[in-house]
Amino acid sequence: MATKIKKASPGAKPVYKPSASLFPWLGLAMIVVLLDQVTKLTVERTFAYAETLPVTSFFNLIKVYNPGAAFSFLGDASGWQRWFFLAIAIGAVGFCLYMMKKNATQRLFCFALALIMAGAIGNGIDRVVHGHVIDFLDFYWKGIGHFPAFNIADIGISVGAFLFVLDELRRVNKS
């Protein structure tokens, strides 16, 4: 059965549907995970545990392990936290995928979720492979002390969370 093609009226503007593809966001997440894993592998192979390389007057590279969550939360538990935090990471990835698919046309929102998802995947890989997360970025201020060491996955989670809040604030201000 043939269908007739309707011609647009003269002067009508074409209607563009925004792309609802997850591929850009999955691609971004894959790049962040790859960067995270390559830097961790480099640190793992180059540094001895707790070895420090001063880079500036406020920044070191250091190889440390974190069996817990942010700021070593539950880091001194007996080992069950490895699987607990891995389950949270898997749940976070599933939730991020669901929300990105549902809201694929909201760019900042999906960008934020892709970064959070990448961080969860990067640290999740560490938990499966090593039993802990490899941290190596050490910032400090003389007289104040050291900020807890972190990694690229942590940056993804933190920047993603900031962008998520920013997106929500923008949305609230529009209404």
Protein backbone atom coordinates (compact mmCIF):
# COMPACT_ATOMS: atom_id res chain seq x y z
CA MET A 1 0.00 0.00 0.00
CA ALA A 2 1.52 3.29 -1.06
CA THR A 3 1.28 6.38 1.08
CA LYS A 4 1.15 9.93 -0.17
CA ILE A 5 3.94 12.28 0.82
CA LYS A 6 2.66 15.58 2.15
CA LYS A 7 4.48 18.67 0.97
CA ALA A 8 5.31 21.35 3.49
CA SER A 9 3.60 24.65 2.97
CA PRO A 10 5.85 27.40 1.56
CA GLY A 11 7.66 29.28 4.30
CA ALA A 12 7.10 26.57 6.92
CA LYS A 13 10.05 25.96 9.17
CA PRO A 14 11.26 22.38 9.44
CA VAL A 15 10.60 20.70 12.75
CA TYR A 16 13.66 19.09 14.29
CA LYS A 17 13.29 16.46 16.94
CA PRO A 18 16.09 16.49 19.47
CA SER A 19 18.15 13.35 19.46
CA ALA A 20 17.08 10.93 22.17
CA SER A 21 20.16 8.79 21.78
CA LEU A 22 22.18 7.64 24.76
CA PHE A 23 25.31 7.21 22.64
CA PRO A 24 26.84 10.65 23.32
CA TRP A 25 26.41 10.18 27.06
CA LEU A 26 27.69 6.60 27.00
CA GLY A 27 30.64 7.78 24.91
CA LEU A 28 31.45 10.50 27.45
CA ALA A 29 31.18 7.99 30.29
CA MET A 30 33.45 5.57 28.44
CA ILE A 31 36.10 8.27 27.94
CA VAL A 32 36.05 9.18 31.63
CA VAL A 33 36.24 5.51 32.69
CA LEU A 34 39.14 4.93 30.29
CA LEU A 35 41.00 8.00 31.57
CA ASP A 36 40.36 6.90 35.15
CA GLN A 37 41.59 3.35 34.59
CA VAL A 38 44.67 4.38 32.58
CA THR A 39 45.76 6.85 35.28
CA LYS A 40 45.18 4.30 38.04
CA LEU A 41 47.09 1.63 36.13
CA THR A 42 49.96 4.05 35.60
CA VAL A 43 50.09 4.93 39.29
CA GLU A 44 49.75 1.27 40.31
CA ARG A 45 52.71 0.26 38.13
CA THR A 46 54.88 3.33 38.78
CA PHE A 47 54.55 3.97 42.52
CA ALA A 48 55.11 1.88 45.62
CA TYR A 49 52.33 2.04 48.19
CA ALA A 50 52.32 5.46 49.94
CA GLU A 51 55.14 6.70 47.71
CA THR A 52 54.78 10.44 47.15
CA LEU A 53 55.94 12.57 44.24
CA PRO A 54 55.76 16.32 45.00
CA VAL A 55 54.52 18.19 41.92
CA THR A 56 53.85 21.70 43.26
CA SER A 57 53.84 23.42 46.63
CA PHE A 58 50.23 22.27 47.11
CA PHE A 59 49.92 19.06 45.09
CA ASN A 60 51.45 15.57 45.23
CA LEU A 61 50.95 12.35 43.38
CA ILE A 62 50.66 9.52 45.89
CA LYS A 63 49.56 5.92 45.72
CA VAL A 64 47.05 5.04 48.42
CA TYR A 65 44.23 2.54 48.69
CA ASN A 66 40.73 3.26 49.93
CA PRO A 67 38.66 0.20 50.85
CA GLY A 68 35.80 2.44 51.96
CA ALA A 69 33.78 5.21 50.36
CA ALA A 70 34.38 8.97 50.30
CA PHE A 71 36.80 10.10 52.99
CA SER A 72 37.47 6.40 53.77
CA PHE A 73 33.98 5.95 55.22
CA LEU A 74 33.79 2.33 56.44
CA GLY A 75 37.39 1.83 55.32
CA ASP A 76 38.23 -0.10 58.48
CA ALA A 77 35.31 -2.54 58.17
CA SER A 78 36.06 -6.24 57.80
CA GLY A 79 35.65 -6.47 54.01
CA TRP A 80 31.91 -6.61 53.53
CA GLN A 81 31.96 -2.94 52.45
CA ARG A 82 33.67 -3.90 49.18
CA TRP A 83 30.53 -5.69 47.98
CA PHE A 84 28.19 -3.16 49.58
CA PHE A 85 29.78 -0.24 47.71
CA LEU A 86 29.94 -2.30 44.52
CA ALA A 87 26.18 -2.95 44.81
CA ILE A 88 25.60 0.78 45.31
CA ALA A 89 27.71 1.50 42.21
CA ILE A 90 25.73 -0.99 40.12
CA GLY A 91 22.48 0.51 41.35
CA ALA A 92 23.74 4.02 40.57
CA VAL A 93 24.71 2.99 37.03
CA GLY A 94 21.28 1.45 36.45
CA PHE A 95 19.53 4.53 37.81
CA CYS A 96 21.69 6.87 35.69
CA LEU A 97 20.95 4.85 32.55
CA TYR A 98 17.23 4.90 33.28
CA MET A 99 17.19 8.65 33.93
CA MET A 100 19.32 9.43 30.87
CA LYS A 101 17.01 7.39 28.65
CA LYS A 102 13.93 9.01 30.15
CA ASN A 103 15.37 12.55 29.83
CA ALA A 104 17.72 12.16 26.87
CA THR A 105 16.97 15.63 25.48
CA GLN A 106 18.08 17.42 28.66
CA ARG A 107 21.74 17.94 27.92
CA LEU A 108 23.12 19.26 31.20
CA PHE A 109 21.14 16.70 33.17
CA CYS A 110 22.45 13.81 31.05
CA PHE A 111 25.99 15.22 31.08
CA ALA A 112 25.89 15.24 34.89
CA LEU A 113 24.50 11.71 35.06
CA ALA A 114 27.11 10.44 32.56
CA LEU A 115 29.91 11.79 34.79
CA ILE A 116 28.38 10.27 37.93
CA MET A 117 27.90 6.96 36.14
CA ALA A 118 31.50 6.99 34.86
CA GLY A 119 32.80 7.59 38.37
CA ALA A 120 30.71 4.74 39.75
CA ILE A 121 31.96 2.41 37.02
CA GLY A 122 35.61 3.44 37.47
CA ASN A 123 35.60 2.91 41.22
CA GLY A 124 33.46 -0.22 40.81
CA ILE A 125 36.10 -1.74 38.53
CA ASP A 126 38.71 -1.08 41.22
CA ARG A 127 36.59 -2.79 43.86
CA VAL A 128 36.14 -5.89 41.70
CA VAL A 129 39.76 -6.11 40.51
CA HIS A 130 41.69 -4.90 43.58
CA GLY A 131 39.24 -5.00 46.48
CA HIS A 132 39.81 -1.26 47.06
CA VAL A 133 39.88 2.00 45.14
CA ILE A 134 43.22 3.42 44.01
CA ASP A 135 43.59 7.12 44.87
CA PHE A 136 46.52 9.26 43.78
CA LEU A 137 45.68 12.98 43.66
CA ASP A 138 46.80 14.68 46.89
CA PHE A 139 46.10 18.38 47.41
CA TYR A 140 47.19 20.18 50.57
CA TRP A 141 47.70 23.60 52.09
CA LYS A 142 50.56 24.31 54.45
CA GLY A 143 49.26 24.92 57.94
CA ILE A 144 45.86 23.41 57.13
CA GLY A 145 46.69 19.89 55.99
CA HIS A 146 45.92 17.40 53.25
CA PHE A 147 42.60 16.90 51.54
CA PRO A 148 41.84 13.16 51.28
CA ALA A 149 43.46 11.68 48.16
CA PHE A 150 41.13 11.04 45.24
CA ASN A 151 41.11 9.95 41.59
CA ILE A 152 39.56 10.75 38.21
CA ALA A 153 36.41 8.72 38.99
CA ASP A 154 35.91 10.81 42.13
CA ILE A 155 36.25 13.97 40.05
CA GLY A 156 33.59 12.65 37.69
CA ILE A 157 31.21 11.96 40.57
CA SER A 158 31.87 15.35 42.20
CA VAL A 159 31.59 17.42 39.01
CA GLY A 160 28.53 15.41 37.97
CA ALA A 161 26.86 16.02 41.33
CA PHE A 162 27.63 19.76 41.08
CA LEU A 163 26.18 19.92 37.55
CA PHE A 164 23.15 17.92 38.67
CA VAL A 165 22.42 20.47 41.42
CA LEU A 166 23.07 23.34 38.99
CA ASP A 167 20.64 21.83 36.48
CA GLU A 168 17.96 21.43 39.16
CA LEU A 169 18.45 25.03 40.33
CA ARG A 170 18.12 26.26 36.73
CA ARG A 171 14.94 24.21 36.32
CA VAL A 172 13.44 25.60 39.54
CA ASN A 173 14.26 29.17 38.51
CA LYS A 174 12.51 28.68 35.14
CA SER A 175 9.23 27.75 36.79
